[in-house]
């Protein structure tokens, strides 16, 4: 069994209106140090071992289901559970 952590973020070229709203709110609360915010997604998966390479499985899963490859990038961390 694998414990997988998947991090999904918008590509740098994509406008992040949620991030802008959070940045503006932080600055209006007096946190002038906050210069930029990018909002993303975090997922934890438990994946059973199989005869397929875990990286192949995760890349396919991320490309086909967990992300929008046109707008989002992803990375993952794998631990044996």
N, C-alpha and C. Protein backbone atom coordinates (compact mmCIF):
# COMPACT_ATOMS: atom_id res chain seq x y z
N UNK A 1 0.85 -1.18 0.00
CA UNK A 1 0.00 0.00 0.00
C UNK A 1 0.90 1.23 0.00
N UNK A 2 0.49 2.23 -0.75
CA UNK A 2 1.19 3.50 -0.79
C UNK A 2 0.31 4.60 -0.22
N UNK A 3 0.91 5.49 0.53
CA UNK A 3 0.26 6.73 0.97
C UNK A 3 0.81 7.82 0.05
N UNK A 4 -0.08 8.47 -0.68
CA UNK A 4 0.33 9.46 -1.68
C UNK A 4 -0.26 10.81 -1.32
N UNK A 5 0.58 11.84 -1.36
CA UNK A 5 0.14 13.22 -1.17
C UNK A 5 0.26 13.92 -2.51
N UNK A 6 -0.84 14.47 -2.99
CA UNK A 6 -0.87 15.15 -4.29
C UNK A 6 -1.12 16.63 -4.06
N UNK A 7 -0.26 17.46 -4.65
CA UNK A 7 -0.37 18.91 -4.56
C UNK A 7 -0.67 19.45 -5.96
N UNK A 8 -1.76 20.20 -6.08
CA UNK A 8 -2.18 20.75 -7.37
C UNK A 8 -2.16 22.27 -7.26
N UNK A 9 -1.51 22.92 -8.22
CA UNK A 9 -1.45 24.38 -8.24
C UNK A 9 -1.75 24.88 -9.64
N UNK A 10 -2.25 26.11 -9.70
CA UNK A 10 -2.45 26.73 -11.01
C UNK A 10 -1.11 27.01 -11.65
N UNK A 11 -1.05 26.89 -12.96
CA UNK A 11 0.17 27.26 -13.68
C UNK A 11 0.44 28.75 -13.47
N UNK A 12 1.70 29.13 -13.52
CA UNK A 12 2.09 30.52 -13.27
C UNK A 12 1.39 31.49 -14.22
N UNK A 13 1.08 31.05 -15.43
CA UNK A 13 0.47 31.93 -16.43
C UNK A 13 -1.04 32.12 -16.23
N UNK A 14 -1.63 31.38 -15.29
CA UNK A 14 -3.09 31.43 -15.07
C UNK A 14 -3.40 32.38 -13.92
N UNK A 15 -4.31 33.32 -14.15
CA UNK A 15 -4.75 34.24 -13.12
C UNK A 15 -5.44 33.47 -12.00
N UNK A 16 -5.14 33.83 -10.76
CA UNK A 16 -5.71 33.16 -9.59
C UNK A 16 -6.56 34.17 -8.81
N UNK A 17 -7.86 34.32 -9.16
CA UNK A 17 -8.68 35.31 -8.47
C UNK A 17 -8.84 35.03 -6.97
N UNK A 18 -8.88 33.77 -6.57
CA UNK A 18 -8.96 33.46 -5.14
C UNK A 18 -7.70 33.93 -4.42
N UNK A 19 -6.57 33.69 -5.04
CA UNK A 19 -5.31 34.12 -4.46
C UNK A 19 -5.24 35.63 -4.32
N UNK A 20 -5.72 36.34 -5.33
CA UNK A 20 -5.74 37.81 -5.29
C UNK A 20 -6.64 38.28 -4.16
N UNK A 21 -7.80 37.66 -3.99
CA UNK A 21 -8.73 38.04 -2.92
C UNK A 21 -8.10 37.82 -1.54
N UNK A 22 -7.42 36.70 -1.36
CA UNK A 22 -6.78 36.42 -0.08
C UNK A 22 -5.64 37.41 0.17
N UNK A 23 -4.85 37.69 -0.86
CA UNK A 23 -3.76 38.66 -0.72
C UNK A 23 -4.31 40.03 -0.33
N UNK A 24 -5.35 40.48 -1.01
CA UNK A 24 -5.95 41.77 -0.71
C UNK A 24 -6.52 41.81 0.71
N UNK A 25 -7.17 40.72 1.12
CA UNK A 25 -7.73 40.66 2.47
C UNK A 25 -6.61 40.69 3.52
N UNK A 26 -5.55 39.94 3.27
CA UNK A 26 -4.42 39.94 4.21
C UNK A 26 -3.82 41.33 4.34
N UNK A 27 -3.64 42.00 3.20
CA UNK A 27 -3.08 43.35 3.24
C UNK A 27 -4.03 44.32 3.94
N UNK A 28 -5.33 44.18 3.73
CA UNK A 28 -6.28 45.09 4.38
C UNK A 28 -6.32 44.86 5.90
N UNK A 29 -5.91 43.65 6.34
CA UNK A 29 -5.83 43.37 7.77
C UNK A 29 -4.49 43.81 8.36
N UNK A 30 -3.65 44.41 7.53
CA UNK A 30 -2.38 44.92 8.03
C UNK A 30 -1.18 44.06 7.72
N UNK A 31 -1.36 42.96 7.03
CA UNK A 31 -0.24 42.08 6.68
C UNK A 31 0.35 42.53 5.35
N UNK A 32 1.02 43.66 5.37
CA UNK A 32 1.59 44.25 4.15
C UNK A 32 2.72 43.40 3.56
N UNK A 33 3.25 42.49 4.37
CA UNK A 33 4.34 41.63 3.90
C UNK A 33 3.87 40.64 2.83
N UNK A 34 2.57 40.33 2.83
CA UNK A 34 2.03 39.36 1.87
C UNK A 34 1.99 40.01 0.49
N UNK A 35 2.82 39.52 -0.40
CA UNK A 35 2.94 40.09 -1.73
C UNK A 35 2.20 39.30 -2.81
N UNK A 36 2.01 37.99 -2.59
CA UNK A 36 1.33 37.17 -3.58
C UNK A 36 0.77 35.94 -2.89
N UNK A 37 -0.36 35.46 -3.37
CA UNK A 37 -0.97 34.23 -2.85
C UNK A 37 -1.45 33.42 -4.04
N UNK A 38 -1.15 32.14 -4.03
CA UNK A 38 -1.65 31.20 -5.03
C UNK A 38 -2.40 30.12 -4.28
N UNK A 39 -3.63 29.85 -4.67
CA UNK A 39 -4.47 28.86 -4.01
C UNK A 39 -4.36 27.54 -4.79
N UNK A 40 -4.26 26.45 -4.06
CA UNK A 40 -4.16 25.15 -4.71
C UNK A 40 -5.03 24.11 -4.01
N UNK A 41 -4.80 22.85 -4.36
CA UNK A 41 -5.53 21.73 -3.77
C UNK A 41 -4.53 20.74 -3.21
N UNK A 42 -4.94 20.05 -2.17
CA UNK A 42 -4.12 19.02 -1.55
C UNK A 42 -4.99 17.78 -1.39
N UNK A 43 -4.48 16.62 -1.78
CA UNK A 43 -5.23 15.37 -1.67
C UNK A 43 -4.33 14.29 -1.09
N UNK A 44 -4.91 13.42 -0.28
CA UNK A 44 -4.21 12.24 0.20
C UNK A 44 -4.90 11.01 -0.37
N UNK A 45 -4.13 10.13 -0.96
CA UNK A 45 -4.66 8.90 -1.55
C UNK A 45 -3.97 7.70 -0.92
N UNK A 46 -4.69 6.63 -0.78
CA UNK A 46 -4.09 5.35 -0.46
C UNK A 46 -4.24 4.48 -1.70
N UNK A 47 -3.12 4.02 -2.20
CA UNK A 47 -3.11 3.29 -3.46
C UNK A 47 -2.51 1.91 -3.22
N UNK A 48 -3.23 0.89 -3.61
CA UNK A 48 -2.74 -0.48 -3.45
C UNK A 48 -1.61 -0.76 -4.43
N UNK A 49 -0.68 -1.59 -4.01
CA UNK A 49 0.39 -2.02 -4.90
C UNK A 49 -0.20 -2.90 -5.99
N UNK A 50 0.37 -2.77 -7.17
CA UNK A 50 -0.06 -3.61 -8.29
C UNK A 50 1.14 -3.89 -9.17
N UNK A 51 0.92 -4.56 -10.29
CA UNK A 51 2.02 -4.84 -11.20
C UNK A 51 2.39 -3.63 -12.05
N UNK A 52 1.58 -2.56 -11.98
CA UNK A 52 1.88 -1.33 -12.71
C UNK A 52 2.79 -0.44 -11.88
N UNK A 53 3.63 0.33 -12.53
CA UNK A 53 4.50 1.28 -11.85
C UNK A 53 3.64 2.36 -11.19
N UNK A 54 3.91 2.64 -9.92
CA UNK A 54 3.11 3.61 -9.18
C UNK A 54 3.16 5.00 -9.82
N UNK A 55 4.29 5.38 -10.39
CA UNK A 55 4.40 6.68 -11.05
C UNK A 55 3.51 6.75 -12.30
N UNK A 56 3.44 5.66 -13.04
CA UNK A 56 2.56 5.63 -14.21
C UNK A 56 1.10 5.77 -13.77
N UNK A 57 0.73 5.06 -12.72
CA UNK A 57 -0.65 5.13 -12.21
C UNK A 57 -0.98 6.55 -11.77
N UNK A 58 -0.10 7.16 -11.00
CA UNK A 58 -0.37 8.51 -10.48
C UNK A 58 -0.39 9.56 -11.56
N UNK A 59 0.53 9.47 -12.52
CA UNK A 59 0.53 10.44 -13.62
C UNK A 59 -0.76 10.35 -14.43
N UNK A 60 -1.21 9.14 -14.72
CA UNK A 60 -2.46 8.97 -15.46
C UNK A 60 -3.64 9.50 -14.65
N UNK A 61 -3.68 9.17 -13.37
CA UNK A 61 -4.77 9.62 -12.51
C UNK A 61 -4.82 11.15 -12.42
N UNK A 62 -3.67 11.76 -12.24
CA UNK A 62 -3.62 13.22 -12.16
C UNK A 62 -4.02 13.86 -13.48
N UNK A 63 -3.51 13.33 -14.58
CA UNK A 63 -3.81 13.92 -15.89
C UNK A 63 -5.27 13.73 -16.29
N UNK A 64 -5.87 12.61 -15.92
CA UNK A 64 -7.22 12.30 -16.39
C UNK A 64 -8.33 12.69 -15.42
N UNK A 65 -8.01 12.80 -14.11
CA UNK A 65 -9.08 13.00 -13.14
C UNK A 65 -8.83 14.13 -12.14
N UNK A 66 -7.65 14.17 -11.57
CA UNK A 66 -7.42 15.07 -10.44
C UNK A 66 -7.06 16.50 -10.83
N UNK A 67 -6.62 16.71 -12.06
CA UNK A 67 -6.21 18.06 -12.48
C UNK A 67 -6.78 18.40 -13.84
N UNK A 68 -6.73 19.68 -14.14
CA UNK A 68 -6.98 20.17 -15.49
C UNK A 68 -5.62 20.51 -16.07
N UNK A 69 -5.04 19.64 -16.90
CA UNK A 69 -3.67 19.83 -17.37
C UNK A 69 -3.43 21.14 -18.14
N UNK A 70 -4.48 21.74 -18.65
CA UNK A 70 -4.34 23.00 -19.37
C UNK A 70 -4.02 24.13 -18.39
N UNK A 71 -4.60 24.06 -17.18
CA UNK A 71 -4.48 25.17 -16.23
C UNK A 71 -3.67 24.84 -14.98
N UNK A 72 -3.48 23.55 -14.69
CA UNK A 72 -2.89 23.18 -13.41
C UNK A 72 -1.64 22.31 -13.58
N UNK A 73 -0.74 22.47 -12.62
CA UNK A 73 0.43 21.60 -12.47
C UNK A 73 0.20 20.74 -11.23
N UNK A 74 0.94 19.65 -11.13
CA UNK A 74 0.85 18.82 -9.94
C UNK A 74 2.20 18.22 -9.61
N UNK A 75 2.30 17.85 -8.36
CA UNK A 75 3.43 17.04 -7.90
C UNK A 75 2.91 16.12 -6.83
N UNK A 76 3.63 15.06 -6.55
CA UNK A 76 3.16 14.13 -5.53
C UNK A 76 4.34 13.57 -4.76
N UNK A 77 4.03 13.09 -3.56
CA UNK A 77 4.99 12.42 -2.70
C UNK A 77 4.43 11.05 -2.39
N UNK A 78 5.28 10.05 -2.44
CA UNK A 78 4.85 8.67 -2.20
C UNK A 78 5.58 8.13 -0.97
N UNK A 79 4.82 7.51 -0.09
CA UNK A 79 5.39 6.79 1.07
C UNK A 79 4.79 5.40 1.10
N UNK A 80 5.60 4.43 1.46
CA UNK A 80 5.06 3.09 1.64
C UNK A 80 4.31 3.05 2.96
N UNK A 81 3.10 2.52 2.93
CA UNK A 81 2.29 2.46 4.15
C UNK A 81 2.26 1.05 4.69
